[in-house]
N, C-alpha and C. Protein backbone atom coordinates (compact mmCIF):
# COMPACT_ATOMS: atom_id res chain seq x y z
N UNK A 1 -15.86 -5.84 58.90
CA UNK A 1 -16.92 -5.25 59.69
C UNK A 1 -16.60 -5.40 61.18
N UNK A 2 -15.98 -6.50 61.56
CA UNK A 2 -15.65 -6.71 62.97
C UNK A 2 -14.66 -5.67 63.47
N UNK A 3 -13.72 -5.26 62.62
CA UNK A 3 -12.75 -4.25 63.03
C UNK A 3 -13.46 -2.94 63.36
N UNK A 4 -14.42 -2.56 62.52
CA UNK A 4 -15.18 -1.33 62.76
C UNK A 4 -16.01 -1.47 64.02
N UNK A 5 -16.66 -2.61 64.20
CA UNK A 5 -17.48 -2.83 65.40
C UNK A 5 -16.64 -2.70 66.65
N UNK A 6 -15.46 -3.29 66.65
CA UNK A 6 -14.58 -3.20 67.82
C UNK A 6 -14.07 -1.79 68.03
N UNK A 7 -13.67 -1.11 66.95
CA UNK A 7 -13.13 0.24 67.06
C UNK A 7 -14.16 1.23 67.60
N UNK A 8 -15.41 1.05 67.21
CA UNK A 8 -16.47 1.97 67.63
C UNK A 8 -17.27 1.44 68.82
N UNK A 9 -16.88 0.27 69.32
CA UNK A 9 -17.57 -0.37 70.44
C UNK A 9 -19.05 -0.59 70.12
N UNK A 10 -19.31 -1.04 68.90
CA UNK A 10 -20.67 -1.35 68.44
C UNK A 10 -20.89 -2.85 68.54
N UNK A 11 -22.12 -3.29 68.74
CA UNK A 11 -22.42 -4.72 68.62
C UNK A 11 -22.16 -5.16 67.17
N UNK A 12 -21.56 -6.32 66.96
CA UNK A 12 -21.25 -6.76 65.60
C UNK A 12 -22.46 -6.78 64.67
N UNK A 13 -23.62 -7.17 65.16
CA UNK A 13 -24.81 -7.21 64.30
C UNK A 13 -25.20 -5.81 63.83
N UNK A 14 -25.01 -4.80 64.68
CA UNK A 14 -25.32 -3.42 64.29
C UNK A 14 -24.35 -2.94 63.21
N UNK A 15 -23.06 -3.21 63.40
CA UNK A 15 -22.06 -2.82 62.40
C UNK A 15 -22.35 -3.50 61.06
N UNK A 16 -22.74 -4.77 61.10
CA UNK A 16 -23.08 -5.50 59.87
C UNK A 16 -24.29 -4.87 59.18
N UNK A 17 -25.28 -4.47 59.95
CA UNK A 17 -26.48 -3.84 59.38
C UNK A 17 -26.14 -2.50 58.74
N UNK A 18 -25.30 -1.70 59.38
CA UNK A 18 -24.88 -0.41 58.83
C UNK A 18 -24.10 -0.62 57.54
N UNK A 19 -23.16 -1.57 57.56
CA UNK A 19 -22.37 -1.85 56.36
C UNK A 19 -23.25 -2.34 55.22
N UNK A 20 -24.16 -3.26 55.50
CA UNK A 20 -25.05 -3.78 54.46
C UNK A 20 -25.89 -2.66 53.86
N UNK A 21 -26.40 -1.79 54.70
CA UNK A 21 -27.20 -0.66 54.22
C UNK A 21 -26.37 0.25 53.31
N UNK A 22 -25.15 0.56 53.73
CA UNK A 22 -24.27 1.42 52.93
C UNK A 22 -23.92 0.76 51.60
N UNK A 23 -23.67 -0.55 51.63
CA UNK A 23 -23.32 -1.28 50.40
C UNK A 23 -24.49 -1.32 49.44
N UNK A 24 -25.68 -1.63 49.93
CA UNK A 24 -26.87 -1.71 49.07
C UNK A 24 -27.18 -0.36 48.44
N UNK A 25 -26.96 0.71 49.16
CA UNK A 25 -27.23 2.06 48.65
C UNK A 25 -26.11 2.60 47.76
N UNK A 26 -25.03 1.84 47.63
CA UNK A 26 -23.94 2.24 46.77
C UNK A 26 -23.02 3.29 47.39
N UNK A 27 -23.02 3.39 48.72
CA UNK A 27 -22.18 4.38 49.40
C UNK A 27 -20.75 3.90 49.59
N UNK A 28 -20.53 2.60 49.49
CA UNK A 28 -19.19 2.02 49.54
C UNK A 28 -19.02 1.12 48.33
N UNK A 29 -17.77 0.93 47.92
CA UNK A 29 -17.49 0.08 46.77
C UNK A 29 -16.23 -0.74 47.05
N UNK A 30 -16.16 -1.94 46.48
CA UNK A 30 -14.99 -2.78 46.71
C UNK A 30 -13.80 -2.30 45.88
N UNK A 31 -12.62 -2.53 46.40
CA UNK A 31 -11.40 -2.32 45.62
C UNK A 31 -10.37 -3.33 46.11
N UNK A 32 -9.42 -3.60 45.28
CA UNK A 32 -8.38 -4.55 45.65
C UNK A 32 -7.08 -3.78 45.84
N UNK A 33 -6.57 -3.83 47.04
CA UNK A 33 -5.33 -3.15 47.35
C UNK A 33 -4.14 -3.95 46.86
N UNK A 34 -3.00 -3.30 46.72
CA UNK A 34 -1.80 -4.01 46.27
C UNK A 34 -1.43 -5.10 47.28
N UNK A 35 -1.11 -6.27 46.77
CA UNK A 35 -0.74 -7.38 47.63
C UNK A 35 -1.92 -8.13 48.23
N UNK A 36 -3.12 -7.68 47.94
CA UNK A 36 -4.33 -8.32 48.47
C UNK A 36 -5.28 -8.62 47.31
N UNK A 37 -4.78 -9.31 46.29
CA UNK A 37 -5.56 -9.51 45.07
C UNK A 37 -6.82 -10.35 45.30
N UNK A 38 -6.80 -11.23 46.28
CA UNK A 38 -7.97 -12.07 46.51
C UNK A 38 -8.88 -11.53 47.61
N UNK A 39 -8.45 -10.52 48.29
CA UNK A 39 -9.23 -9.98 49.40
C UNK A 39 -9.83 -8.63 49.02
N UNK A 40 -11.14 -8.53 49.12
CA UNK A 40 -11.79 -7.25 48.82
C UNK A 40 -11.67 -6.32 50.02
N UNK A 41 -11.43 -5.09 49.74
CA UNK A 41 -11.48 -4.04 50.74
C UNK A 41 -12.55 -3.07 50.27
N UNK A 42 -12.98 -2.19 51.15
CA UNK A 42 -14.08 -1.30 50.82
C UNK A 42 -13.64 0.14 50.99
N UNK A 43 -14.14 0.99 50.12
CA UNK A 43 -13.85 2.42 50.20
C UNK A 43 -15.13 3.20 49.93
N UNK A 44 -15.13 4.44 50.33
CA UNK A 44 -16.27 5.32 50.09
C UNK A 44 -16.39 5.54 48.58
N UNK A 45 -17.58 5.38 48.05
CA UNK A 45 -17.80 5.58 46.62
C UNK A 45 -18.05 7.06 46.33
N UNK A 46 -18.06 7.41 45.07
CA UNK A 46 -18.40 8.78 44.68
C UNK A 46 -19.80 9.15 45.16
N UNK A 47 -20.72 8.21 45.06
CA UNK A 47 -22.08 8.45 45.53
C UNK A 47 -22.11 8.65 47.05
N UNK A 48 -21.32 7.86 47.77
CA UNK A 48 -21.24 8.01 49.22
C UNK A 48 -20.66 9.35 49.62
N UNK A 49 -19.62 9.79 48.91
CA UNK A 49 -19.02 11.09 49.20
C UNK A 49 -19.99 12.21 48.91
N UNK A 50 -20.72 12.10 47.80
CA UNK A 50 -21.71 13.13 47.46
C UNK A 50 -22.80 13.20 48.53
N UNK A 51 -23.24 12.04 49.03
CA UNK A 51 -24.25 12.01 50.09
C UNK A 51 -23.72 12.68 51.36
N UNK A 52 -22.50 12.35 51.73
CA UNK A 52 -21.92 12.98 52.92
C UNK A 52 -21.80 14.49 52.75
N UNK A 53 -21.33 14.92 51.58
CA UNK A 53 -21.17 16.35 51.33
C UNK A 53 -22.51 17.08 51.37
N UNK A 54 -23.56 16.42 50.92
CA UNK A 54 -24.87 17.05 50.82
C UNK A 54 -25.69 16.92 52.10
N UNK A 55 -25.72 15.74 52.70
CA UNK A 55 -26.70 15.45 53.75
C UNK A 55 -26.15 15.22 55.14
N UNK A 56 -24.89 15.01 55.29
CA UNK A 56 -24.36 14.67 56.62
C UNK A 56 -23.84 15.92 57.32
N UNK A 57 -24.76 16.77 57.71
CA UNK A 57 -24.39 17.99 58.42
C UNK A 57 -24.48 17.74 59.92
N UNK A 58 -23.34 17.64 60.55
CA UNK A 58 -23.30 17.44 61.99
C UNK A 58 -22.81 18.73 62.61
N UNK A 59 -23.64 19.31 63.46
CA UNK A 59 -23.31 20.61 64.06
C UNK A 59 -22.12 20.50 65.00
N UNK A 60 -22.03 19.43 65.75
CA UNK A 60 -20.93 19.24 66.68
C UNK A 60 -20.54 17.77 66.66
N UNK A 61 -19.28 17.47 66.96
CA UNK A 61 -18.89 16.07 67.00
C UNK A 61 -19.68 15.33 68.08
N UNK A 62 -19.88 14.06 67.86
CA UNK A 62 -20.61 13.24 68.83
C UNK A 62 -19.60 12.41 69.62
N UNK A 63 -19.74 12.42 70.91
CA UNK A 63 -18.88 11.64 71.79
C UNK A 63 -19.61 10.35 72.12
N UNK A 64 -19.04 9.20 71.74
CA UNK A 64 -19.73 7.93 71.90
C UNK A 64 -19.51 7.29 73.27
N UNK A 65 -18.31 7.30 73.78
CA UNK A 65 -18.01 6.61 75.03
C UNK A 65 -17.91 7.62 76.16
N UNK A 66 -19.05 8.11 76.60
CA UNK A 66 -19.05 9.15 77.62
C UNK A 66 -19.30 8.60 79.02
N UNK A 67 -19.32 7.27 79.16
CA UNK A 67 -19.44 6.67 80.47
C UNK A 67 -20.85 6.34 80.90
N UNK A 68 -21.86 6.95 80.30
CA UNK A 68 -23.23 6.64 80.72
C UNK A 68 -23.99 5.84 79.68
N UNK A 69 -23.32 5.41 78.61
CA UNK A 69 -23.97 4.58 77.62
C UNK A 69 -24.76 5.33 76.57
N UNK A 70 -24.72 6.65 76.59
CA UNK A 70 -25.47 7.44 75.62
C UNK A 70 -24.52 8.30 74.80
N UNK A 71 -24.87 8.49 73.53
CA UNK A 71 -24.12 9.41 72.68
C UNK A 71 -24.59 10.82 72.99
N UNK A 72 -23.67 11.75 73.00
CA UNK A 72 -24.05 13.13 73.26
C UNK A 72 -23.08 14.06 72.58
N UNK A 73 -23.51 15.27 72.36
CA UNK A 73 -22.64 16.31 71.83
C UNK A 73 -21.78 16.83 72.96
N UNK A 74 -20.49 17.09 72.73
CA UNK A 74 -19.63 17.55 73.81
C UNK A 74 -19.91 18.99 74.24
N UNK A 75 -20.79 19.71 73.57
CA UNK A 75 -21.05 21.11 73.90
C UNK A 75 -21.80 21.29 75.18
């Protein structure tokens, strides 16, 4: 979760809340990658993909780091 928080410049507590919400709703699922048998990694589940395909309609990409602290559409 910390990697995502840093990559998106989110507060760690916010990234943790988003991840917990996605996990509880079944939008992500654990898997074990080769060479990482004891470490869980997470991937988008079938349910998560179906939700994105159905409900995540974004008209334009959102620009997060626009210098004024607000997310906005680049249009």
